[in-house]
């Protein structure tokens, strides 16, 4: 069973790093919105986007980290 090419893995790791940063940015923005008493609907939308990012990160990580539990 051949693994993913190193270059492909490196590219995916780069994308994951960018998405993690974006995820942290959403977290900071959500906290700021909560502190300033922002509209709850807007906060919920931000949380939904943050969760979608987390799912995307998880899927990408699954591509580069083989599932050992079989």
PDB file of N, CA and C in Angstrom:
ATOM      1  N   UNK A   1       0.851  -1.187   0.000  1.00  0.00           N
ATOM      2  CA  UNK A   1       0.000   0.000   0.000  1.00  0.00           C
ATOM      3  C   UNK A   1       0.895   1.249   0.000  1.00  0.00           C
ATOM      4  N   UNK A   2       0.836   1.992  -1.053  1.00  0.00           N
ATOM      5  CA  UNK A   2       1.674   3.186  -1.168  1.00  0.00           C
ATOM      6  C   UNK A   2       1.015   4.359  -0.467  1.00  0.00           C
ATOM      7  N   UNK A   3       1.830   5.142   0.222  1.00  0.00           N
ATOM      8  CA  UNK A   3       1.312   6.313   0.922  1.00  0.00           C
ATOM      9  C   UNK A   3       1.175   7.494  -0.019  1.00  0.00           C
ATOM     10  N   UNK A   4       0.621   8.552   0.509  1.00  0.00           N
ATOM     11  CA  UNK A   4       0.460   9.771  -0.267  1.00  0.00           C
ATOM     12  C   UNK A   4       1.838  10.391  -0.539  1.00  0.00           C
ATOM     13  N   UNK A   5       2.016  10.977  -1.694  1.00  0.00           N
ATOM     14  CA  UNK A   5       3.288  11.620  -2.026  1.00  0.00           C
ATOM     15  C   UNK A   5       3.612  12.702  -0.994  1.00  0.00           C
ATOM     16  N   UNK A   6       4.910  12.825  -0.686  1.00  0.00           N
ATOM     17  CA  UNK A   6       5.340  13.801   0.322  1.00  0.00           C
ATOM     18  C   UNK A   6       4.901  15.214  -0.033  1.00  0.00           C
ATOM     19  N   UNK A   7       4.959  15.544  -1.325  1.00  0.00           N
ATOM     20  CA  UNK A   7       4.567  16.890  -1.751  1.00  0.00           C
ATOM     21  C   UNK A   7       3.080  17.133  -1.493  1.00  0.00           C
ATOM     22  N   UNK A   8       2.252  16.120  -1.791  1.00  0.00           N
ATOM     23  CA  UNK A   8       0.816  16.239  -1.528  1.00  0.00           C
ATOM     24  C   UNK A   8       0.558  16.428  -0.035  1.00  0.00           C
ATOM     25  N   UNK A   9       1.277  15.645   0.775  1.00  0.00           N
ATOM     26  CA  UNK A   9       1.119  15.760   2.228  1.00  0.00           C
ATOM     27  C   UNK A   9       1.517  17.151   2.700  1.00  0.00           C
ATOM     28  N   UNK A  10       2.604  17.675   2.164  1.00  0.00           N
ATOM     29  CA  UNK A  10       3.090  18.996   2.555  1.00  0.00           C
ATOM     30  C   UNK A  10       2.058  20.063   2.194  1.00  0.00           C
ATOM     31  N   UNK A  11       1.457  19.934   1.005  1.00  0.00           N
ATOM     32  CA  UNK A  11       0.438  20.895   0.580  1.00  0.00           C
ATOM     33  C   UNK A  11      -0.777  20.844   1.503  1.00  0.00           C
ATOM     34  N   UNK A  12      -1.204  19.641   1.840  1.00  0.00           N
ATOM     35  CA  UNK A  12      -2.361  19.492   2.721  1.00  0.00           C
ATOM     36  C   UNK A  12      -2.049  20.058   4.106  1.00  0.00           C
ATOM     37  N   UNK A  13      -0.828  19.814   4.603  1.00  0.00           N
ATOM     38  CA  UNK A  13      -0.436  20.349   5.912  1.00  0.00           C
ATOM     39  C   UNK A  13      -0.465  21.882   5.905  1.00  0.00           C
ATOM     40  N   UNK A  14      -0.061  22.477   4.777  1.00  0.00           N
ATOM     41  CA  UNK A  14      -0.084  23.930   4.634  1.00  0.00           C
ATOM     42  C   UNK A  14      -1.523  24.445   4.674  1.00  0.00           C
ATOM     43  N   UNK A  15      -2.403  23.768   3.965  1.00  0.00           N
ATOM     44  CA  UNK A  15      -3.818  24.148   3.952  1.00  0.00           C
ATOM     45  C   UNK A  15      -4.397  24.022   5.358  1.00  0.00           C
ATOM     46  N   UNK A  16      -4.073  22.921   6.039  1.00  0.00           N
ATOM     47  CA  UNK A  16      -4.570  22.703   7.407  1.00  0.00           C
ATOM     48  C   UNK A  16      -4.092  23.816   8.333  1.00  0.00           C
ATOM     49  N   UNK A  17      -2.838  24.216   8.200  1.00  0.00           N
ATOM     50  CA  UNK A  17      -2.297  25.288   9.037  1.00  0.00           C
ATOM     51  C   UNK A  17      -3.060  26.595   8.802  1.00  0.00           C
ATOM     52  N   UNK A  18      -3.349  26.898   7.531  1.00  0.00           N
ATOM     53  CA  UNK A  18      -4.112  28.115   7.220  1.00  0.00           C
ATOM     54  C   UNK A  18      -5.522  28.039   7.779  1.00  0.00           C
ATOM     55  N   UNK A  19      -6.150  26.881   7.649  1.00  0.00           N
ATOM     56  CA  UNK A  19      -7.515  26.711   8.157  1.00  0.00           C
ATOM     57  C   UNK A  19      -7.550  26.805   9.684  1.00  0.00           C
ATOM     58  N   UNK A  20      -6.524  26.266  10.343  1.00  0.00           N
ATOM     59  CA  UNK A  20      -6.457  26.361  11.806  1.00  0.00           C
ATOM     60  C   UNK A  20      -6.372  27.819  12.239  1.00  0.00           C
ATOM     61  N   UNK A  21      -5.577  28.610  11.510  1.00  0.00           N
ATOM     62  CA  UNK A  21      -5.445  30.031  11.814  1.00  0.00           C
ATOM     63  C   UNK A  21      -6.796  30.727  11.634  1.00  0.00           C
ATOM     64  N   UNK A  22      -7.476  30.389  10.548  1.00  0.00           N
ATOM     65  CA  UNK A  22      -8.796  30.970  10.286  1.00  0.00           C
ATOM     66  C   UNK A  22      -9.773  30.568  11.395  1.00  0.00           C
ATOM     67  N   UNK A  23      -9.669  29.323  11.852  1.00  0.00           N
ATOM     68  CA  UNK A  23     -10.524  28.818  12.930  1.00  0.00           C
ATOM     69  C   UNK A  23     -10.293  29.636  14.208  1.00  0.00           C
ATOM     70  N   UNK A  24      -9.020  29.905  14.512  1.00  0.00           N
ATOM     71  CA  UNK A  24      -8.681  30.721  15.691  1.00  0.00           C
ATOM     72  C   UNK A  24      -9.210  32.145  15.540  1.00  0.00           C
ATOM     73  N   UNK A  25      -9.135  32.677  14.320  1.00  0.00           N
ATOM     74  CA  UNK A  25      -9.650  34.021  14.058  1.00  0.00           C
ATOM     75  C   UNK A  25     -11.154  34.083  14.314  1.00  0.00           C
ATOM     76  N   UNK A  26     -11.879  33.051  13.858  1.00  0.00           N
ATOM     77  CA  UNK A  26     -13.319  32.989  14.116  1.00  0.00           C
ATOM     78  C   UNK A  26     -13.587  32.956  15.623  1.00  0.00           C
ATOM     79  N   UNK A  27     -12.790  32.173  16.331  1.00  0.00           N
ATOM     80  CA  UNK A  27     -12.934  32.053  17.780  1.00  0.00           C
ATOM     81  C   UNK A  27     -12.788  33.422  18.448  1.00  0.00           C
ATOM     82  N   UNK A  28     -11.754  34.149  18.060  1.00  0.00           N
ATOM     83  CA  UNK A  28     -11.520  35.487  18.630  1.00  0.00           C
ATOM     84  C   UNK A  28     -12.663  36.440  18.268  1.00  0.00           C
ATOM     85  N   UNK A  29     -13.118  36.365  17.026  1.00  0.00           N
ATOM     86  CA  UNK A  29     -14.206  37.243  16.587  1.00  0.00           C
ATOM     87  C   UNK A  29     -15.497  36.933  17.345  1.00  0.00           C
ATOM     88  N   UNK A  30     -15.769  35.648  17.529  1.00  0.00           N
ATOM     89  CA  UNK A  30     -16.981  35.241  18.258  1.00  0.00           C
ATOM     90  C   UNK A  30     -16.918  35.739  19.700  1.00  0.00           C
ATOM     91  N   UNK A  31     -15.775  35.571  20.349  1.00  0.00           N
ATOM     92  CA  UNK A  31     -15.625  36.039  21.725  1.00  0.00           C
ATOM     93  C   UNK A  31     -15.821  37.553  21.825  1.00  0.00           C
ATOM     94  N   UNK A  32     -15.280  38.284  20.850  1.00  0.00           N
ATOM     95  CA  UNK A  32     -15.441  39.742  20.835  1.00  0.00           C
ATOM     96  C   UNK A  32     -16.908  40.113  20.634  1.00  0.00           C
ATOM     97  N   UNK A  33     -17.586  39.381  19.766  1.00  0.00           N
ATOM     98  CA  UNK A  33     -19.010  39.650  19.510  1.00  0.00           C
ATOM     99  C   UNK A  33     -19.843  39.393  20.766  1.00  0.00           C
ATOM    100  N   UNK A  34     -19.506  38.340  21.483  1.00  0.00           N
ATOM    101  CA  UNK A  34     -20.231  38.003  22.712  1.00  0.00           C
ATOM    102  C   UNK A  34     -20.015  39.108  23.755  1.00  0.00           C
ATOM    103  N   UNK A  35     -18.764  39.562  23.890  1.00  0.00           N
ATOM    104  CA  UNK A  35     -18.436  40.593  24.882  1.00  0.00           C
ATOM    105  C   UNK A  35     -19.116  41.924  24.576  1.00  0.00           C
ATOM    106  N   UNK A  36     -19.277  42.230  23.292  1.00  0.00           N
ATOM    107  CA  UNK A  36     -19.898  43.510  22.926  1.00  0.00           C
ATOM    108  C   UNK A  36     -21.409  43.408  22.829  1.00  0.00           C
ATOM    109  N   UNK A  37     -21.949  42.231  23.126  1.00  0.00           N
ATOM    110  CA  UNK A  37     -23.401  42.065  23.123  1.00  0.00           C
ATOM    111  C   UNK A  37     -23.989  42.077  21.731  1.00  0.00           C
ATOM    112  N   UNK A  38     -23.292  41.462  20.810  1.00  0.00           N
ATOM    113  CA  UNK A  38     -23.735  41.414  19.417  1.00  0.00           C
ATOM    114  C   UNK A  38     -24.979  40.528  19.273  1.00  0.00           C
ATOM    115  N   UNK A  39     -25.654  40.697  18.174  1.00  0.00           N
ATOM    116  CA  UNK A  39     -26.845  39.931  17.821  1.00  0.00           C
ATOM    117  C   UNK A  39     -26.546  38.427  17.869  1.00  0.00           C
ATOM    118  N   UNK A  40     -27.348  37.682  18.608  1.00  0.00           N
ATOM    119  CA  UNK A  40     -27.122  36.239  18.785  1.00  0.00           C
ATOM    120  C   UNK A  40     -27.187  35.476  17.460  1.00  0.00           C
ATOM    121  N   UNK A  41     -28.013  35.936  16.528  1.00  0.00           N
ATOM    122  CA  UNK A  41     -28.126  35.273  15.237  1.00  0.00           C
ATOM    123  C   UNK A  41     -26.792  35.353  14.488  1.00  0.00           C
ATOM    124  N   UNK A  42     -26.145  36.522  14.531  1.00  0.00           N
ATOM    125  CA  UNK A  42     -24.839  36.688  13.884  1.00  0.00           C
ATOM    126  C   UNK A  42     -23.794  35.806  14.547  1.00  0.00           C
ATOM    127  N   UNK A  43     -23.856  35.708  15.871  1.00  0.00           N
ATOM    128  CA  UNK A  43     -22.910  34.862  16.614  1.00  0.00           C
ATOM    129  C   UNK A  43     -23.117  33.397  16.213  1.00  0.00           C
ATOM    130  N   UNK A  44     -24.377  32.976  16.121  1.00  0.00           N
ATOM    131  CA  UNK A  44     -24.680  31.586  15.738  1.00  0.00           C
ATOM    132  C   UNK A  44     -24.152  31.286  14.337  1.00  0.00           C
ATOM    133  N   UNK A  45     -24.293  32.253  13.422  1.00  0.00           N
ATOM    134  CA  UNK A  45     -23.778  32.058  12.056  1.00  0.00           C
ATOM    135  C   UNK A  45     -22.265  31.894  12.067  1.00  0.00           C
ATOM    136  N   UNK A  46     -21.593  32.704  12.871  1.00  0.00           N
ATOM    137  CA  UNK A  46     -20.135  32.614  12.980  1.00  0.00           C
ATOM    138  C   UNK A  46     -19.734  31.261  13.552  1.00  0.00           C
ATOM    139  N   UNK A  47     -20.473  30.797  14.559  1.00  0.00           N
ATOM    140  CA  UNK A  47     -20.168  29.503  15.171  1.00  0.00           C
ATOM    141  C   UNK A  47     -20.355  28.375  14.157  1.00  0.00           C
ATOM    142  N   UNK A  48     -21.363  28.511  13.311  1.00  0.00           N
ATOM    143  CA  UNK A  48     -21.620  27.503  12.284  1.00  0.00           C
ATOM    144  C   UNK A  48     -20.470  27.460  11.279  1.00  0.00           C
ATOM    145  N   UNK A  49     -19.967  28.632  10.876  1.00  0.00           N
ATOM    146  CA  UNK A  49     -18.835  28.700   9.946  1.00  0.00           C
ATOM    147  C   UNK A  49     -17.586  28.104  10.588  1.00  0.00           C
ATOM    148  N   UNK A  50     -17.406  28.400  11.877  1.00  0.00           N
ATOM    149  CA  UNK A  50     -16.255  27.876  12.611  1.00  0.00           C
ATOM    150  C   UNK A  50     -16.316  26.345  12.666  1.00  0.00           C
ATOM    151  N   UNK A  51     -17.496  25.810  12.908  1.00  0.00           N
ATOM    152  CA  UNK A  51     -17.678  24.357  12.962  1.00  0.00           C
ATOM    153  C   UNK A  51     -17.418  23.721  11.598  1.00  0.00           C
ATOM    154  N   UNK A  52     -17.871  24.372  10.537  1.00  0.00           N
ATOM    155  CA  UNK A  52     -17.632  23.859   9.185  1.00  0.00           C
ATOM    156  C   UNK A  52     -16.130  23.819   8.895  1.00  0.00           C
ATOM    157  N   UNK A  53     -15.414  24.829   9.360  1.00  0.00           N
ATOM    158  CA  UNK A  53     -13.956  24.855   9.196  1.00  0.00           C
ATOM    159  C   UNK A  53     -13.316  23.691   9.931  1.00  0.00           C
ATOM    160  N   UNK A  54     -13.782  23.443  11.148  1.00  0.00           N
ATOM    161  CA  UNK A  54     -13.248  22.340  11.962  1.00  0.00           C
ATOM    162  C   UNK A  54     -13.455  21.010  11.240  1.00  0.00           C
ATOM    163  N   UNK A  55     -14.642  20.839  10.643  1.00  0.00           N
ATOM    164  CA  UNK A  55     -14.929  19.610   9.892  1.00  0.00           C
ATOM    165  C   UNK A  55     -13.985  19.466   8.700  1.00  0.00           C
ATOM    166  N   UNK A  56     -13.738  20.573   8.010  1.00  0.00           N
ATOM    167  CA  UNK A  56     -12.837  20.568   6.859  1.00  0.00           C
ATOM    168  C   UNK A  56     -11.417  20.194   7.291  1.00  0.00           C
ATOM    169  N   UNK A  57     -10.976  20.754   8.414  1.00  0.00           N
ATOM    170  CA  UNK A  57      -9.649  20.447   8.956  1.00  0.00           C
ATOM    171  C   UNK A  57      -9.545  18.956   9.272  1.00  0.00           C
ATOM    172  N   UNK A  58     -10.564  18.425   9.921  1.00  0.00           N
ATOM    173  CA  UNK A  58     -10.581  17.010  10.296  1.00  0.00           C
ATOM    174  C   UNK A  58     -10.498  16.114   9.068  1.00  0.00           C
ATOM    175  N   UNK A  59     -11.256  16.442   8.016  1.00  0.00           N
ATOM    176  CA  UNK A  59     -11.229  15.636   6.795  1.00  0.00           C
ATOM    177  C   UNK A  59      -9.857  15.660   6.144  1.00  0.00           C
ATOM    178  N   UNK A  60      -9.236  16.832   6.112  1.00  0.00           N
ATOM    179  CA  UNK A  60      -7.904  16.949   5.516  1.00  0.00           C
ATOM    180  C   UNK A  60      -6.872  16.181   6.334  1.00  0.00           C
ATOM    181  N   UNK A  61      -6.972  16.284   7.662  1.00  0.00           N
ATOM    182  CA  UNK A  61      -6.031  15.558   8.522  1.00  0.00           C
ATOM    183  C   UNK A  61      -6.188  14.048   8.343  1.00  0.00           C
ATOM    184  N   UNK A  62      -7.418  13.600   8.127  1.00  0.00           N
ATOM    185  CA  UNK A  62      -7.657  12.165   7.906  1.00  0.00           C
ATOM    186  C   UNK A  62      -6.975  11.679   6.629  1.00  0.00           C
ATOM    187  N   UNK A  63      -6.791  12.585   5.666  1.00  0.00           N
ATOM    188  CA  UNK A  63      -6.121  12.196   4.417  1.00  0.00           C
ATOM    189  C   UNK A  63      -4.627  11.980   4.633  1.00  0.00           C
ATOM    190  N   UNK A  64      -4.023  12.754   5.555  1.00  0.00           N
ATOM    191  CA  UNK A  64      -2.585  12.630   5.743  1.00  0.00           C
ATOM    192  C   UNK A  64      -2.198  11.725   6.905  1.00  0.00           C
ATOM    193  N   UNK A  65      -3.139  11.464   7.796  1.00  0.00           N
ATOM    194  CA  UNK A  65      -2.870  10.557   8.919  1.00  0.00           C
ATOM    195  C   UNK A  65      -3.695   9.292   8.673  1.00  0.00           C
ATOM    196  N   UNK A  66      -3.054   8.205   8.304  1.00  0.00           N
ATOM    197  CA  UNK A  66      -3.806   6.992   8.014  1.00  0.00           C
ATOM    198  C   UNK A  66      -4.540   6.475   9.254  1.00  0.00           C
ATOM    199  N   UNK A  67      -5.695   5.908   9.002  1.00  0.00           N
ATOM    200  CA  UNK A  67      -6.518   5.361  10.086  1.00  0.00           C
ATOM    201  C   UNK A  67      -5.907   4.033  10.534  1.00  0.00           C
ATOM    202  N   UNK A  68      -5.280   4.038  11.703  1.00  0.00           N
ATOM    203  CA  UNK A  68      -4.573   2.863  12.189  1.00  0.00           C
ATOM    204  C   UNK A  68      -5.548   1.829  12.777  1.00  0.00           C
ATOM    205  N   UNK A  69      -6.623   2.311  13.369  1.00  0.00           N
ATOM    206  CA  UNK A  69      -7.599   1.409  13.974  1.00  0.00           C
ATOM    207  C   UNK A  69      -8.408   0.758  12.859  1.00  0.00           C
ATOM    208  N   UNK A  70      -8.230  -0.541  12.697  1.00  0.00           N
ATOM    209  CA  UNK A  70      -8.920  -1.227  11.605  1.00  0.00           C
ATOM    210  C   UNK A  70      -9.803  -2.342  12.128  1.00  0.00           C
TER     211      UNK A  70
END
